[in-house]
Amino acid sequence: MDKNTIQNIPEENKNLFFPEIKKPIWLSVSEAAKIGGVQTKTIRRAIQSKVIKYKIIGNRYLIELASLITYLLTKTKLKNKLNQFGIGQYIEQWKK
């Protein structure tokens, strides 16, 4: 789904497409970078521009896995890195 499609979904139907995650998985910046197949500075840029969900514990950033995957699928270059160097290389269903 592109950004315009997401914006056109009525509020009452958004849970059909984006269900509420009861127990999100939180990753460190380095773990998020390894899973995404990108560098840590890419993750830090996403944090700075507030395009991924994060929280700060102590002096560490923790990134929510679902928002990380959503972010990595927004741009072709990031999607290719996810599939070639990140977790996508291990998931057969994503290769189709």
PDB file of N, CA and C in Angstrom:
ATOM      1  N   MET A   1       0.825  -1.179   0.000  1.00  0.00           N
ATOM      2  CA  MET A   1       0.000   0.000   0.000  1.00  0.00           C
ATOM      3  C   MET A   1       0.868   1.240   0.000  1.00  0.00           C
ATOM      4  N   ASP A   2       0.501   2.187  -0.824  1.00  0.00           N
ATOM      5  CA  ASP A   2       1.258   3.428  -0.829  1.00  0.00           C
ATOM      6  C   ASP A   2       0.666   4.406   0.189  1.00  0.00           C
ATOM      7  N   LYS A   3       1.344   5.528   0.362  1.00  0.00           N
ATOM      8  CA  LYS A   3       0.975   6.501   1.394  1.00  0.00           C
ATOM      9  C   LYS A   3      -0.433   7.049   1.178  1.00  0.00           C
ATOM     10  N   ASN A   4      -0.812   7.316  -0.074  1.00  0.00           N
ATOM     11  CA  ASN A   4      -2.139   7.865  -0.357  1.00  0.00           C
ATOM     12  C   ASN A   4      -3.237   6.860  -0.032  1.00  0.00           C
ATOM     13  N   THR A   5      -2.999   5.583  -0.309  1.00  0.00           N
ATOM     14  CA  THR A   5      -3.981   4.550  -0.011  1.00  0.00           C
ATOM     15  C   THR A   5      -4.210   4.461   1.486  1.00  0.00           C
ATOM     16  N   ILE A   6      -3.135   4.522   2.267  1.00  0.00           N
ATOM     17  CA  ILE A   6      -3.242   4.451   3.718  1.00  0.00           C
ATOM     18  C   ILE A   6      -4.041   5.634   4.246  1.00  0.00           C
ATOM     19  N   GLN A   7      -3.812   6.825   3.705  1.00  0.00           N
ATOM     20  CA  GLN A   7      -4.516   8.013   4.170  1.00  0.00           C
ATOM     21  C   GLN A   7      -6.002   7.954   3.832  1.00  0.00           C
ATOM     22  N   ASN A   8      -6.378   7.224   2.771  1.00  0.00           N
ATOM     23  CA  ASN A   8      -7.769   7.156   2.343  1.00  0.00           C
ATOM     24  C   ASN A   8      -8.579   6.092   3.079  1.00  0.00           C
ATOM     25  N   ILE A   9      -7.953   5.296   3.932  1.00  0.00           N
ATOM     26  CA  ILE A   9      -8.663   4.273   4.690  1.00  0.00           C
ATOM     27  C   ILE A   9      -9.386   4.957   5.854  1.00  0.00           C
ATOM     28  N   PRO A  10     -10.692   4.731   5.976  1.00  0.00           N
ATOM     29  CA  PRO A  10     -11.409   5.330   7.109  1.00  0.00           C
ATOM     30  C   PRO A  10     -10.843   4.827   8.439  1.00  0.00           C
ATOM     31  N   GLU A  11     -10.888   5.683   9.456  1.00  0.00           N
ATOM     32  CA  GLU A  11     -10.326   5.356  10.776  1.00  0.00           C
ATOM     33  C   GLU A  11     -10.864   4.041  11.328  1.00  0.00           C
ATOM     34  N   GLU A  12     -12.169   3.804  11.161  1.00  0.00           N
ATOM     35  CA  GLU A  12     -12.763   2.592  11.737  1.00  0.00           C
ATOM     36  C   GLU A  12     -12.281   1.317  11.044  1.00  0.00           C
ATOM     37  N   ASN A  13     -11.710   1.427   9.836  1.00  0.00           N
ATOM     38  CA  ASN A  13     -11.230   0.252   9.105  1.00  0.00           C
ATOM     39  C   ASN A  13      -9.715   0.071   9.185  1.00  0.00           C
ATOM     40  N   LYS A  14      -9.006   1.007   9.804  1.00  0.00           N
ATOM     41  CA  LYS A  14      -7.547   0.906   9.839  1.00  0.00           C
ATOM     42  C   LYS A  14      -7.067  -0.323  10.605  1.00  0.00           C
ATOM     43  N   ASN A  15      -7.834  -0.772  11.618  1.00  0.00           N
ATOM     44  CA  ASN A  15      -7.429  -1.961  12.363  1.00  0.00           C
ATOM     45  C   ASN A  15      -7.514  -3.224  11.513  1.00  0.00           C
ATOM     46  N   LEU A  16      -8.301  -3.199  10.426  1.00  0.00           N
ATOM     47  CA  LEU A  16      -8.344  -4.344   9.526  1.00  0.00           C
ATOM     48  C   LEU A  16      -7.021  -4.495   8.775  1.00  0.00           C
ATOM     49  N   PHE A  17      -6.399  -3.369   8.443  1.00  0.00           N
ATOM     50  CA  PHE A  17      -5.147  -3.382   7.705  1.00  0.00           C
ATOM     51  C   PHE A  17      -3.935  -3.345   8.621  1.00  0.00           C
ATOM     52  N   PHE A  18      -4.065  -2.646   9.737  1.00  0.00           N
ATOM     53  CA  PHE A  18      -2.959  -2.477  10.674  1.00  0.00           C
ATOM     54  C   PHE A  18      -3.444  -2.833  12.072  1.00  0.00           C
ATOM     55  N   PRO A  19      -3.542  -4.126  12.376  1.00  0.00           N
ATOM     56  CA  PRO A  19      -4.074  -4.503  13.688  1.00  0.00           C
ATOM     57  C   PRO A  19      -3.165  -4.019  14.814  1.00  0.00           C
ATOM     58  N   GLU A  20      -3.764  -3.747  15.953  1.00  0.00           N
ATOM     59  CA  GLU A  20      -3.013  -3.314  17.132  1.00  0.00           C
ATOM     60  C   GLU A  20      -2.146  -4.471  17.611  1.00  0.00           C
ATOM     61  N   ILE A  21      -0.880  -4.215  17.764  1.00  0.00           N
ATOM     62  CA  ILE A  21       0.047  -5.242  18.226  1.00  0.00           C
ATOM     63  C   ILE A  21       0.074  -5.187  19.746  1.00  0.00           C
ATOM     64  N   LYS A  22      -0.264  -6.314  20.361  1.00  0.00           N
ATOM     65  CA  LYS A  22      -0.376  -6.340  21.817  1.00  0.00           C
ATOM     66  C   LYS A  22       0.977  -6.369  22.516  1.00  0.00           C
ATOM     67  N   LYS A  23       1.918  -7.117  21.966  1.00  0.00           N
ATOM     68  CA  LYS A  23       3.259  -7.200  22.561  1.00  0.00           C
ATOM     69  C   LYS A  23       4.301  -6.959  21.461  1.00  0.00           C
ATOM     70  N   PRO A  24       4.599  -5.703  21.178  1.00  0.00           N
ATOM     71  CA  PRO A  24       5.561  -5.417  20.105  1.00  0.00           C
ATOM     72  C   PRO A  24       6.969  -5.897  20.456  1.00  0.00           C
ATOM     73  N   ILE A  25       7.722  -6.190  19.436  1.00  0.00           N
ATOM     74  CA  ILE A  25       9.118  -6.588  19.601  1.00  0.00           C
ATOM     75  C   ILE A  25       9.967  -5.336  19.444  1.00  0.00           C
ATOM     76  N   TRP A  26      10.831  -5.090  20.421  1.00  0.00           N
ATOM     77  CA  TRP A  26      11.688  -3.906  20.413  1.00  0.00           C
ATOM     78  C   TRP A  26      13.119  -4.329  20.124  1.00  0.00           C
ATOM     79  N   LEU A  27      13.775  -3.605  19.227  1.00  0.00           N
ATOM     80  CA  LEU A  27      15.138  -3.914  18.806  1.00  0.00           C
ATOM     81  C   LEU A  27      16.056  -2.733  19.059  1.00  0.00           C
ATOM     82  N   SER A  28      17.321  -3.026  19.317  1.00  0.00           N
ATOM     83  CA  SER A  28      18.304  -1.949  19.409  1.00  0.00           C
ATOM     84  C   SER A  28      18.588  -1.434  17.996  1.00  0.00           C
ATOM     85  N   VAL A  29      19.293  -0.340  17.910  1.00  0.00           N
ATOM     86  CA  VAL A  29      19.623   0.247  16.606  1.00  0.00           C
ATOM     87  C   VAL A  29      20.462  -0.729  15.784  1.00  0.00           C
ATOM     88  N   SER A  30      21.436  -1.356  16.408  1.00  0.00           N
ATOM     89  CA  SER A  30      22.299  -2.293  15.668  1.00  0.00           C
ATOM     90  C   SER A  30      21.532  -3.540  15.236  1.00  0.00           C
ATOM     91  N   GLU A  31      20.626  -4.048  16.083  1.00  0.00           N
ATOM     92  CA  GLU A  31      19.815  -5.202  15.702  1.00  0.00           C
ATOM     93  C   GLU A  31      18.884  -4.843  14.546  1.00  0.00           C
ATOM     94  N   ALA A  32      18.288  -3.663  14.617  1.00  0.00           N
ATOM     95  CA  ALA A  32      17.393  -3.209  13.551  1.00  0.00           C
ATOM     96  C   ALA A  32      18.141  -3.085  12.227  1.00  0.00           C
ATOM     97  N   ALA A  33      19.366  -2.573  12.290  1.00  0.00           N
ATOM     98  CA  ALA A  33      20.177  -2.433  11.079  1.00  0.00           C
ATOM     99  C   ALA A  33      20.517  -3.799  10.491  1.00  0.00           C
ATOM    100  N   LYS A  34      20.866  -4.754  11.330  1.00  0.00           N
ATOM    101  CA  LYS A  34      21.192  -6.100  10.838  1.00  0.00           C
ATOM    102  C   LYS A  34      19.976  -6.772  10.216  1.00  0.00           C
ATOM    103  N   ILE A  35      18.823  -6.663  10.870  1.00  0.00           N
ATOM    104  CA  ILE A  35      17.600  -7.262  10.334  1.00  0.00           C
ATOM    105  C   ILE A  35      17.207  -6.603   9.011  1.00  0.00           C
ATOM    106  N   GLY A  36      17.412  -5.294   8.918  1.00  0.00           N
ATOM    107  CA  GLY A  36      17.045  -4.570   7.702  1.00  0.00           C
ATOM    108  C   GLY A  36      18.071  -4.630   6.596  1.00  0.00           C
ATOM    109  N   GLY A  37      19.282  -5.075   6.904  1.00  0.00           N
ATOM    110  CA  GLY A  37      20.324  -5.109   5.883  1.00  0.00           C
ATOM    111  C   GLY A  37      20.839  -3.731   5.527  1.00  0.00           C
ATOM    112  N   VAL A  38      20.721  -2.797   6.465  1.00  0.00           N
ATOM    113  CA  VAL A  38      21.159  -1.413   6.250  1.00  0.00           C
ATOM    114  C   VAL A  38      22.170  -1.033   7.321  1.00  0.00           C
ATOM    115  N   GLN A  39      22.710   0.181   7.220  1.00  0.00           N
ATOM    116  CA  GLN A  39      23.656   0.655   8.220  1.00  0.00           C
ATOM    117  C   GLN A  39      22.915   1.295   9.386  1.00  0.00           C
ATOM    118  N   THR A  40      23.586   1.400  10.511  1.00  0.00           N
ATOM    119  CA  THR A  40      22.959   1.994  11.688  1.00  0.00           C
ATOM    120  C   THR A  40      22.583   3.455  11.454  1.00  0.00           C
ATOM    121  N   LYS A  41      23.343   4.158  10.631  1.00  0.00           N
ATOM    122  CA  LYS A  41      23.010   5.565  10.387  1.00  0.00           C
ATOM    123  C   LYS A  41      21.689   5.704   9.627  1.00  0.00           C
ATOM    124  N   THR A  42      21.304   4.703   8.840  1.00  0.00           N
ATOM    125  CA  THR A  42      19.999   4.718   8.175  1.00  0.00           C
ATOM    126  C   THR A  42      18.887   4.640   9.210  1.00  0.00           C
ATOM    127  N   ILE A  43      19.072   3.787  10.206  1.00  0.00           N
ATOM    128  CA  ILE A  43      18.090   3.650  11.283  1.00  0.00           C
ATOM    129  C   ILE A  43      18.030   4.932  12.097  1.00  0.00           C
ATOM    130  N   ARG A  44      19.185   5.512  12.392  1.00  0.00           N
ATOM    131  CA  ARG A  44      19.215   6.748  13.174  1.00  0.00           C
ATOM    132  C   ARG A  44      18.557   7.910  12.414  1.00  0.00           C
ATOM    133  N   ARG A  45      18.709   7.943  11.093  1.00  0.00           N
ATOM    134  CA  ARG A  45      18.029   8.962  10.280  1.00  0.00           C
ATOM    135  C   ARG A  45      16.511   8.785  10.359  1.00  0.00           C
ATOM    136  N   ALA A  46      16.058   7.532  10.341  1.00  0.00           N
ATOM    137  CA  ALA A  46      14.624   7.255  10.442  1.00  0.00           C
ATOM    138  C   ALA A  46      14.088   7.678  11.809  1.00  0.00           C
ATOM    139  N   ILE A  47      14.879   7.471  12.851  1.00  0.00           N
ATOM    140  CA  ILE A  47      14.487   7.911  14.187  1.00  0.00           C
ATOM    141  C   ILE A  47      14.389   9.426  14.227  1.00  0.00           C
ATOM    142  N   GLN A  48      15.394  10.089  13.680  1.00  0.00           N
ATOM    143  CA  GLN A  48      15.445  11.551  13.697  1.00  0.00           C
ATOM    144  C   GLN A  48      14.267  12.164  12.944  1.00  0.00           C
ATOM    145  N   SER A  49      13.877  11.538  11.835  1.00  0.00           N
ATOM    146  CA  SER A  49      12.756  12.064  11.056  1.00  0.00           C
ATOM    147  C   SER A  49      11.410  11.521  11.539  1.00  0.00           C
ATOM    148  N   LYS A  50      11.427  10.687  12.587  1.00  0.00           N
ATOM    149  CA  LYS A  50      10.224  10.158  13.240  1.00  0.00           C
ATOM    150  C   LYS A  50       9.341   9.345  12.301  1.00  0.00           C
ATOM    151  N   VAL A  51       9.941   8.546  11.429  1.00  0.00           N
ATOM    152  CA  VAL A  51       9.169   7.689  10.538  1.00  0.00           C
ATOM    153  C   VAL A  51       9.025   6.275  11.090  1.00  0.00           C
ATOM    154  N   ILE A  52       9.736   5.954  12.165  1.00  0.00           N
ATOM    155  CA  ILE A  52       9.572   4.664  12.830  1.00  0.00           C
ATOM    156  C   ILE A  52       9.269   4.902  14.302  1.00  0.00           C
ATOM    157  N   LYS A  53       8.586   3.936  14.909  1.00  0.00           N
ATOM    158  CA  LYS A  53       8.255   4.047  16.329  1.00  0.00           C
ATOM    159  C   LYS A  53       9.469   3.630  17.140  1.00  0.00           C
ATOM    160  N   TYR A  54       9.766   4.425  18.155  1.00  0.00           N
ATOM    161  CA  TYR A  54      10.898   4.121  19.017  1.00  0.00           C
ATOM    162  C   TYR A  54      10.623   4.605  20.422  1.00  0.00           C
ATOM    163  N   LYS A  55      11.409   4.093  21.348  1.00  0.00           N
ATOM    164  CA  LYS A  55      11.378   4.603  22.713  1.00  0.00           C
ATOM    165  C   LYS A  55      12.810   4.646  23.210  1.00  0.00           C
ATOM    166  N   ILE A  56      13.026   5.435  24.238  1.00  0.00           N
ATOM    167  CA  ILE A  56      14.371   5.586  24.793  1.00  0.00           C
ATOM    168  C   ILE A  56      14.368   4.993  26.198  1.00  0.00           C
ATOM    169  N   ILE A  57      15.229   4.029  26.423  1.00  0.00           N
ATOM    170  CA  ILE A  57      15.419   3.425  27.737  1.00  0.00           C
ATOM    171  C   ILE A  57      16.862   3.700  28.139  1.00  0.00           C
ATOM    172  N   GLY A  58      17.026   4.461  29.205  1.00  0.00           N
ATOM    173  CA  GLY A  58      18.374   4.882  29.587  1.00  0.00           C
ATOM    174  C   GLY A  58      18.901   5.823  28.523  1.00  0.00           C
ATOM    175  N   ASN A  59      19.999   5.438  27.916  1.00  0.00           N
ATOM    176  CA  ASN A  59      20.536   6.231  26.809  1.00  0.00           C
ATOM    177  C   ASN A  59      20.515   5.429  25.503  1.00  0.00           C
ATOM    178  N   ARG A  60      19.603   4.471  25.410  1.00  0.00           N
ATOM    179  CA  ARG A  60      19.498   3.596  24.237  1.00  0.00           C
ATOM    180  C   ARG A  60      18.155   3.773  23.537  1.00  0.00           C
ATOM    181  N   TYR A  61      18.186   3.740  22.208  1.00  0.00           N
ATOM    182  CA  TYR A  61      16.965   3.739  21.418  1.00  0.00           C
ATOM    183  C   TYR A  61      16.510   2.300  21.233  1.00  0.00           C
ATOM    184  N   LEU A  62      15.208   2.066  21.323  1.00  0.00           N
ATOM    185  CA  LEU A  62      14.613   0.784  20.993  1.00  0.00           C
ATOM    186  C   LEU A  62      13.587   1.023  19.898  1.00  0.00           C
ATOM    187  N   ILE A  63      13.675   0.247  18.825  1.00  0.00           N
ATOM    188  CA  ILE A  63      12.837   0.419  17.647  1.00  0.00           C
ATOM    189  C   ILE A  63      11.824  -0.705  17.586  1.00  0.00           C
ATOM    190  N   GLU A  64      10.562  -0.363  17.277  1.00  0.00           N
ATOM    191  CA  GLU A  64       9.526  -1.378  17.150  1.00  0.00           C
ATOM    192  C   GLU A  64       9.691  -2.094  15.809  1.00  0.00           C
ATOM    193  N   LEU A  65       9.692  -3.414  15.844  1.00  0.00           N
ATOM    194  CA  LEU A  65       9.938  -4.224  14.652  1.00  0.00           C
ATOM    195  C   LEU A  65       8.922  -3.950  13.542  1.00  0.00           C
ATOM    196  N   ALA A  66       7.640  -3.886  13.862  1.00  0.00           N
ATOM    197  CA  ALA A  66       6.611  -3.680  12.833  1.00  0.00           C
ATOM    198  C   ALA A  66       6.806  -2.359  12.098  1.00  0.00           C
ATOM    199  N   SER A  67       7.125  -1.298  12.827  1.00  0.00           N
ATOM    200  CA  SER A  67       7.327  -0.006  12.165  1.00  0.00           C
ATOM    201  C   SER A  67       8.617  -0.015  11.346  1.00  0.00           C
ATOM    202  N   LEU A  68       9.615  -0.779  11.799  1.00  0.00           N
ATOM    203  CA  LEU A  68      10.863  -0.915  11.033  1.00  0.00           C
ATOM    204  C   LEU A  68      10.598  -1.575   9.681  1.00  0.00           C
ATOM    205  N   ILE A  69       9.878  -2.687   9.691  1.00  0.00           N
ATOM    206  CA  ILE A  69       9.571  -3.394   8.438  1.00  0.00           C
ATOM    207  C   ILE A  69       8.741  -2.504   7.518  1.00  0.00           C
ATOM    208  N   THR A  70       7.758  -1.816   8.073  1.00  0.00           N
ATOM    209  CA  THR A  70       6.931  -0.901   7.272  1.00  0.00           C
ATOM    210  C   THR A  70       7.790   0.176   6.635  1.00  0.00           C
ATOM    211  N   TYR A  71       8.701   0.756   7.409  1.00  0.00           N
ATOM    212  CA  TYR A  71       9.596   1.789   6.887  1.00  0.00           C
ATOM    213  C   TYR A  71      10.492   1.237   5.771  1.00  0.00           C
ATOM    214  N   LEU A  72      11.041   0.056   5.979  1.00  0.00           N
ATOM    215  CA  LEU A  72      11.953  -0.514   4.988  1.00  0.00           C
ATOM    216  C   LEU A  72      11.236  -0.885   3.690  1.00  0.00           C
ATOM    217  N   LEU A  73       9.945  -1.080   3.745  1.00  0.00           N
ATOM    218  CA  LEU A  73       9.184  -1.415   2.543  1.00  0.00           C
ATOM    219  C   LEU A  73       8.657  -0.191   1.803  1.00  0.00           C
ATOM    220  N   THR A  74       8.939   1.012   2.330  1.00  0.00           N
ATOM    221  CA  THR A  74       8.411   2.224   1.693  1.00  0.00           C
ATOM    222  C   THR A  74       9.219   2.661   0.478  1.00  0.00           C
ATOM    223  N   LYS A  75      10.492   2.363   0.461  1.00  0.00           N
ATOM    224  CA  LYS A  75      11.351   2.803  -0.646  1.00  0.00           C
ATOM    225  C   LYS A  75      11.991   1.586  -1.299  1.00  0.00           C
ATOM    226  N   THR A  76      12.102   1.633  -2.605  1.00  0.00           N
ATOM    227  CA  THR A  76      12.626   0.504  -3.368  1.00  0.00           C
ATOM    228  C   THR A  76      14.036   0.128  -2.935  1.00  0.00           C
ATOM    229  N   LYS A  77      14.894   1.111  -2.725  1.00  0.00           N
ATOM    230  CA  LYS A  77      16.277   0.838  -2.350  1.00  0.00           C
ATOM    231  C   LYS A  77      16.344   0.118  -0.997  1.00  0.00           C
ATOM    232  N   LEU A  78      15.550   0.584  -0.032  1.00  0.00           N
ATOM    233  CA  LEU A  78      15.524  -0.052   1.285  1.00  0.00           C
ATOM    234  C   LEU A  78      14.910  -1.446   1.206  1.00  0.00           C
ATOM    235  N   LYS A  79      13.878  -1.600   0.375  1.00  0.00           N
ATOM    236  CA  LYS A  79      13.235  -2.901   0.202  1.00  0.00           C
ATOM    237  C   LYS A  79      14.229  -3.911  -0.386  1.00  0.00           C
ATOM    238  N   ASN A  80      15.009  -3.478  -1.362  1.00  0.00           N
ATOM    239  CA  ASN A  80      16.002  -4.364  -1.956  1.00  0.00           C
ATOM    240  C   ASN A  80      17.070  -4.773  -0.942  1.00  0.00           C
ATOM    241  N   LYS A  81      17.500  -3.834  -0.109  1.00  0.00           N
ATOM    242  CA  LYS A  81      18.492  -4.154   0.923  1.00  0.00           C
ATOM    243  C   LYS A  81      17.911  -5.134   1.935  1.00  0.00           C
ATOM    244  N   LEU A  82      16.646  -4.924   2.310  1.00  0.00           N
ATOM    245  CA  LEU A  82      15.974  -5.837   3.232  1.00  0.00           C
ATOM    246  C   LEU A  82      15.948  -7.248   2.651  1.00  0.00           C
ATOM    247  N   ASN A  83      15.629  -7.364   1.365  1.00  0.00           N
ATOM    248  CA  ASN A  83      15.522  -8.678   0.734  1.00  0.00           C
ATOM    249  C   ASN A  83      16.871  -9.320   0.430  1.00  0.00           C
ATOM    250  N   GLN A  84      17.887  -8.531   0.112  1.00  0.00           N
ATOM    251  CA  GLN A  84      19.181  -9.091  -0.263  1.00  0.00           C
ATOM    252  C   GLN A  84      20.115  -9.306   0.918  1.00  0.00           C
ATOM    253  N   PHE A  85      20.115  -8.369   1.864  1.00  0.00           N
ATOM    254  CA  PHE A  85      21.095  -8.426   2.948  1.00  0.00           C
ATOM    255  C   PHE A  85      20.470  -8.599   4.326  1.00  0.00           C
ATOM    256  N   GLY A  86      19.176  -8.370   4.423  1.00  0.00           N
ATOM    257  CA  GLY A  86      18.498  -8.440   5.708  1.00  0.00           C
ATOM    258  C   GLY A  86      17.729  -9.731   5.877  1.00  0.00           C
ATOM    259  N   ILE A  87      16.690  -9.672   6.687  1.00  0.00           N
ATOM    260  CA  ILE A  87      15.915 -10.864   7.016  1.00  0.00           C
ATOM    261  C   ILE A  87      15.149 -11.417   5.817  1.00  0.00           C
ATOM    262  N   GLY A  88      14.908 -10.598   4.815  1.00  0.00           N
ATOM    263  CA  GLY A  88      14.172 -11.040   3.633  1.00  0.00           C
ATOM    264  C   GLY A  88      14.851 -12.156   2.873  1.00  0.00           C
ATOM    265  N   GLN A  89      16.158 -12.280   2.991  1.00  0.00           N
ATOM    266  CA  GLN A  89      16.867 -13.351   2.278  1.00  0.00           C
ATOM    267  C   GLN A  89      16.517 -14.730   2.830  1.00  0.00           C
ATOM    268  N   TYR A  90      15.944 -14.779   4.038  1.00  0.00           N
ATOM    269  CA  TYR A  90      15.584 -16.047   4.666  1.00  0.00           C
ATOM    270  C   TYR A  90      14.103 -16.369   4.556  1.00  0.00           C
ATOM    271  N   ILE A  91      13.305 -15.427   4.051  1.00  0.00           N
ATOM    272  CA  ILE A  91      11.858 -15.612   3.992  1.00  0.00           C
ATOM    273  C   ILE A  91      11.455 -15.831   2.542  1.00  0.00           C
ATOM    274  N   GLU A  92      11.120 -17.075   2.206  1.00  0.00           N
ATOM    275  CA  GLU A  92      10.816 -17.475   0.843  1.00  0.00           C
ATOM    276  C   GLU A  92       9.581 -16.740   0.301  1.00  0.00           C
ATOM    277  N   GLN A  93       8.587 -16.519   1.140  1.00  0.00           N
ATOM    278  CA  GLN A  93       7.338 -15.904   0.704  1.00  0.00           C
ATOM    279  C   GLN A  93       7.560 -14.479   0.194  1.00  0.00           C
ATOM    280  N   TRP A  94       8.538 -13.741   0.748  1.00  0.00           N
ATOM    281  CA  TRP A  94       8.806 -12.375   0.323  1.00  0.00           C
ATOM    282  C   TRP A  94       9.439 -12.314  -1.043  1.00  0.00           C
ATOM    283  N   LYS A  95      10.058 -13.400  -1.493  1.00  0.00           N
ATOM    284  CA  LYS A  95      10.781 -13.395  -2.770  1.00  0.00           C
ATOM    285  C   LYS A  95       9.853 -13.439  -3.960  1.00  0.00           C
ATOM    286  N   LYS A  96       8.600 -13.775  -3.758  1.00  0.00           N
ATOM    287  CA  LYS A  96       7.642 -13.905  -4.873  1.00  0.00           C
ATOM    288  C   LYS A  96       7.247 -12.566  -5.417  1.00  0.00           C
TER     289      LYS A  96
END
